[in-house]
Amino acid sequence: MPNSNFDQLTLGVGLDDDAQFENFFVSEANRPLVNTLLSGSDEPFLYIWGNGAPGLSHLLQASCHKVTADGAGAIYLPLRERSSFQPQILEGAESLSLVCIDDIDCIAGDAQWEAALFTAFNALRQTGAQLITASHMPAQQLPILLPDLLSRLQSGLLYQLVELDDEDKLLALQLRAKKRGLDMPDSVGEFILLRAERNLSALMRILDELDHRSLQQQRKLTVPLVKETLGW
């Protein structure tokens, strides 16, 4: 019988259709991490952290997409949105093949959530289900109050998602543009990087605006179009 908790979560937290591995630019520094996720590693627990590096949520959702495409069960739980659900949502998680818990640092110090996560962690280990968690800090720096949970979170494969340098940000921007059917010359990408926030999320929002304007006016991506669209 389906678990009502997971029915509720499916309704409340969906996966971003664009959060796929093919849409994620892989720098050399992050290749070992992405290769591990793509390989379907039988490692029961992975802890991924990135201090300001965007892409954590993308990788967790991409992992869920991959597993569900193969016909298995997976769930993505962003704890930054925990006001939409209760810790009991984790009950029965061991019936799935993959559980991805994002923003784990958000529940540090919350006794109810910490206890629920510890219980789920143990249940997942018993059934062989894989758990992938993401945080904005290393596991050893998490202000978790429950010692046994903190120990569990430091027990698996630990990866850092390394922030892209400017050269890789340009390549990432061009990759995402190509996926949208847009050709972004180096000169256009470099112009954007010189004037925009260097945050990758901000760059992707700019690409959204440029994509809309380019489609609306049936124009190629050029520096003049960027200036007109963004008021630079």
Protein backbone atom coordinates (compact mmCIF):
# COMPACT_ATOMS: atom_id res chain seq x y z
CA MET A 1 0.00 0.00 0.00
CA PRO A 2 1.42 3.45 -0.89
CA ASN A 3 2.71 5.48 2.01
CA SER A 4 0.47 8.54 2.50
CA ASN A 5 3.49 10.56 3.62
CA PHE A 6 5.06 10.13 0.20
CA ASP A 7 1.77 10.94 -1.52
CA GLN A 8 1.79 14.21 0.42
CA LEU A 9 5.41 14.95 -0.43
CA THR A 10 4.86 14.26 -4.12
CA LEU A 11 2.12 16.86 -4.10
CA GLY A 12 4.16 19.40 -2.13
CA VAL A 13 7.68 19.09 -3.54
CA GLY A 14 8.21 18.37 -7.21
CA LEU A 15 11.37 17.95 -9.24
CA ASP A 16 12.54 20.65 -11.62
CA ASP A 17 12.29 19.17 -15.12
CA ASP A 18 15.47 21.02 -16.13
CA ALA A 19 17.50 19.59 -13.23
CA GLN A 20 19.07 16.84 -15.32
CA PHE A 21 22.67 15.69 -15.52
CA GLU A 22 22.89 16.71 -19.18
CA ASN A 23 22.11 20.31 -18.16
CA PHE A 24 24.86 20.43 -15.55
CA PHE A 25 28.26 21.78 -16.54
CA VAL A 26 30.95 19.53 -15.07
CA SER A 27 34.26 21.18 -14.24
CA GLU A 28 37.33 19.02 -13.76
CA ALA A 29 37.22 19.69 -10.01
CA ASN A 30 33.66 18.35 -9.79
CA ARG A 31 34.04 15.43 -12.20
CA PRO A 32 34.71 12.76 -9.51
CA LEU A 33 31.50 13.75 -7.70
CA VAL A 34 29.35 13.73 -10.83
CA ASN A 35 30.88 10.46 -12.04
CA THR A 36 29.98 8.87 -8.71
CA LEU A 37 26.38 10.05 -9.01
CA LEU A 38 26.10 8.93 -12.63
CA SER A 39 27.61 5.51 -11.97
CA GLY A 40 24.84 4.52 -9.60
CA SER A 41 27.39 3.87 -6.88
CA ASP A 42 26.34 1.27 -4.32
CA GLU A 43 27.79 3.48 -1.58
CA PRO A 44 24.87 3.73 0.88
CA PHE A 45 25.51 7.33 1.90
CA LEU A 46 26.94 10.43 0.21
CA TYR A 47 27.34 13.83 1.82
CA ILE A 48 27.83 16.74 -0.60
CA TRP A 49 28.60 20.25 0.52
CA GLY A 50 29.36 23.53 -1.18
CA ASN A 51 30.10 26.86 0.43
CA GLY A 52 28.30 29.20 -1.94
CA ALA A 53 28.63 26.89 -4.93
CA PRO A 54 25.28 26.59 -6.73
CA GLY A 55 24.30 23.23 -8.14
CA LEU A 56 23.71 21.15 -5.01
CA SER A 57 19.95 21.05 -5.50
CA HIS A 58 20.40 20.43 -9.22
CA LEU A 59 22.56 17.35 -8.61
CA LEU A 60 20.22 15.87 -6.02
CA GLN A 61 17.21 16.32 -8.28
CA ALA A 62 19.13 14.96 -11.27
CA SER A 63 19.93 11.86 -9.22
CA CYS A 64 16.23 11.39 -8.49
CA HIS A 65 15.35 11.85 -12.17
CA LYS A 66 17.90 9.20 -13.12
CA VAL A 67 16.61 6.65 -10.62
CA THR A 68 12.94 7.18 -11.47
CA ALA A 69 13.73 6.96 -15.20
CA ASP A 70 15.14 3.50 -14.46
CA GLY A 71 11.83 2.53 -12.87
CA ALA A 72 12.87 2.71 -9.21
CA GLY A 73 11.51 4.89 -6.41
CA ALA A 74 13.20 8.12 -5.32
CA ILE A 75 12.33 11.19 -3.32
CA TYR A 76 13.76 14.72 -3.09
CA LEU A 77 13.24 16.57 0.18
CA PRO A 78 14.45 20.20 0.44
CA LEU A 79 14.57 21.02 4.14
CA ARG A 80 14.56 24.75 3.44
CA GLU A 81 10.87 24.16 2.67
CA ARG A 82 10.22 22.07 5.78
CA SER A 83 7.37 24.37 6.84
CA SER A 84 5.35 22.56 4.16
CA PHE A 85 5.69 19.13 5.80
CA GLN A 86 6.43 17.39 9.08
CA PRO A 87 9.35 15.14 10.14
CA GLN A 88 6.98 12.17 9.84
CA ILE A 89 7.35 12.54 6.08
CA LEU A 90 10.47 10.39 6.42
CA GLU A 91 8.55 7.40 7.75
CA GLY A 92 8.69 4.62 5.18
CA ALA A 93 11.56 6.17 3.23
CA GLU A 94 13.38 2.84 3.35
CA SER A 95 10.91 1.45 0.81
CA LEU A 96 12.54 3.61 -1.88
CA SER A 97 15.79 3.11 -3.76
CA LEU A 98 17.05 6.66 -3.28
CA VAL A 99 16.38 9.41 -0.76
CA CYS A 100 17.87 12.86 -1.42
CA ILE A 101 17.76 15.35 1.45
CA ASP A 102 18.76 18.90 0.58
CA ASP A 103 19.72 21.77 2.93
CA ILE A 104 20.40 19.46 5.85
CA ASP A 105 22.00 22.34 7.74
CA CYS A 106 18.52 23.93 7.97
CA ILE A 107 17.38 21.43 10.62
CA ALA A 108 20.50 21.59 12.80
CA GLY A 109 19.37 22.19 16.36
CA ASP A 110 15.79 21.05 15.72
CA ALA A 111 15.46 18.04 18.02
CA GLN A 112 12.36 16.63 16.30
CA TRP A 113 13.86 16.76 12.83
CA GLU A 114 17.23 15.45 14.00
CA ALA A 115 15.58 12.45 15.66
CA ALA A 116 13.47 11.72 12.57
CA LEU A 117 16.50 11.92 10.31
CA PHE A 118 18.52 9.62 12.57
CA THR A 119 15.71 7.05 12.55
CA ALA A 120 15.38 7.27 8.77
CA PHE A 121 19.15 6.95 8.35
CA ASN A 122 19.18 3.67 10.27
CA ALA A 123 16.14 2.32 8.41
CA LEU A 124 17.73 3.12 5.04
CA ARG A 125 20.92 1.30 5.99
CA GLN A 126 18.95 -1.82 6.88
CA THR A 127 17.20 -2.01 3.49
CA GLY A 128 20.19 -0.95 1.37
CA ALA A 129 18.52 2.20 0.07
CA GLN A 130 20.87 5.02 -0.85
CA LEU A 131 20.85 8.36 0.96
CA ILE A 132 22.35 11.52 -0.53
CA THR A 133 22.40 14.70 1.53
CA ALA A 134 23.51 18.22 0.67
CA SER A 135 24.60 21.08 2.89
CA HIS A 136 26.31 24.45 2.68
CA MET A 137 29.00 23.43 5.15
CA PRO A 138 31.28 20.43 5.78
CA ALA A 139 29.77 17.63 7.85
CA GLN A 140 32.16 18.22 10.74
CA GLN A 141 30.98 21.83 11.03
CA LEU A 142 27.26 21.08 11.21
CA PRO A 143 25.78 22.35 14.50
CA ILE A 144 23.87 19.09 14.96
CA LEU A 145 22.86 18.46 18.58
CA LEU A 146 22.34 14.69 18.32
CA PRO A 147 25.83 13.13 18.51
CA ASP A 148 24.79 9.85 16.86
CA LEU A 149 23.30 11.71 13.89
CA LEU A 150 26.41 13.84 13.49
CA SER A 151 28.49 10.67 13.51
CA ARG A 152 26.28 9.13 10.81
CA LEU A 153 26.57 12.23 8.64
CA GLN A 154 30.35 11.93 8.71
CA SER A 155 30.38 8.21 7.93
CA GLY A 156 29.87 8.08 4.17
CA LEU A 157 31.54 9.42 1.06
CA LEU A 158 32.15 13.15 1.50
CA TYR A 159 32.36 15.44 -1.53
CA GLN A 160 32.76 19.17 -1.94
CA LEU A 161 31.01 20.83 -4.87
CA VAL A 162 33.66 23.31 -5.98
CA GLU A 163 32.55 26.73 -7.20
CA LEU A 164 33.28 27.43 -10.86
CA ASP A 165 35.92 29.92 -11.92
CA ASP A 166 35.04 32.58 -14.52
CA GLU A 167 36.19 30.45 -17.45
CA ASP A 168 33.97 27.58 -16.37
CA LYS A 169 31.05 29.94 -15.67
CA LEU A 170 31.27 31.08 -19.29
CA LEU A 171 31.22 27.47 -20.48
CA ALA A 172 28.29 26.67 -18.17
CA LEU A 173 26.36 29.66 -19.51
CA GLN A 174 27.05 28.60 -23.09
CA LEU A 175 26.00 25.02 -22.36
CA ARG A 176 22.66 26.13 -20.92
CA ALA A 177 22.14 28.53 -23.84
CA LYS A 178 22.81 25.70 -26.30
CA LYS A 179 20.22 23.53 -24.55
CA ARG A 180 17.73 26.32 -25.27
CA GLY A 181 18.70 26.46 -28.92
CA LEU A 182 20.72 29.66 -28.51
CA ASP A 183 24.24 30.30 -29.74
CA MET A 184 26.19 32.43 -27.27
CA PRO A 185 29.48 33.70 -28.74
CA ASP A 186 32.40 34.09 -26.35
CA SER A 187 32.21 37.87 -26.76
CA VAL A 188 28.62 37.92 -25.49
CA GLY A 189 29.32 35.63 -22.55
CA GLU A 190 32.41 37.59 -21.56
CA PHE A 191 30.46 40.86 -21.76
CA ILE A 192 27.84 39.43 -19.38
CA LEU A 193 30.46 38.15 -16.94
CA LEU A 194 32.14 41.55 -16.81
CA ARG A 195 28.94 43.32 -15.76
CA ALA A 196 26.73 40.80 -13.99
CA GLU A 197 26.90 39.16 -10.59
CA ARG A 198 29.33 36.25 -10.77
CA ASN A 199 26.80 34.03 -9.02
CA LEU A 200 25.79 31.22 -11.39
CA SER A 201 22.15 31.41 -10.35
CA ALA A 202 22.09 35.12 -11.25
CA LEU A 203 23.71 34.35 -14.59
CA MET A 204 21.03 31.78 -15.38
CA ARG A 205 18.31 34.30 -14.56
CA ILE A 206 19.94 36.68 -17.04
CA LEU A 207 19.90 33.91 -19.62
CA ASP A 208 16.16 33.50 -18.99
CA GLU A 209 15.63 37.18 -19.83
CA LEU A 210 17.81 37.01 -22.92
CA ASP A 211 16.10 33.85 -24.12
CA HIS A 212 12.70 35.53 -23.82
CA ARG A 213 13.84 38.71 -25.61
CA SER A 214 15.64 36.76 -28.34
CA LEU A 215 12.56 34.65 -29.02
CA GLN A 216 10.23 37.62 -28.85
CA GLN A 217 12.24 39.69 -31.32
CA GLN A 218 13.62 36.77 -33.35
CA ARG A 219 17.18 38.02 -32.82
CA LYS A 220 20.46 36.28 -32.16
CA LEU A 221 22.35 36.77 -28.92
CA THR A 222 24.56 39.80 -29.44
CA VAL A 223 26.12 42.43 -27.20
CA PRO A 224 23.58 45.06 -28.39
CA LEU A 225 20.71 42.71 -27.49
CA VAL A 226 22.21 42.16 -24.04
CA LYS A 227 22.54 45.92 -23.51
CA GLU A 228 18.94 46.56 -24.57
CA THR A 229 17.52 43.74 -22.47
CA LEU A 230 19.43 44.44 -19.28
CA GLY A 231 19.74 48.21 -19.55
CA TRP A 232 23.54 48.18 -19.55
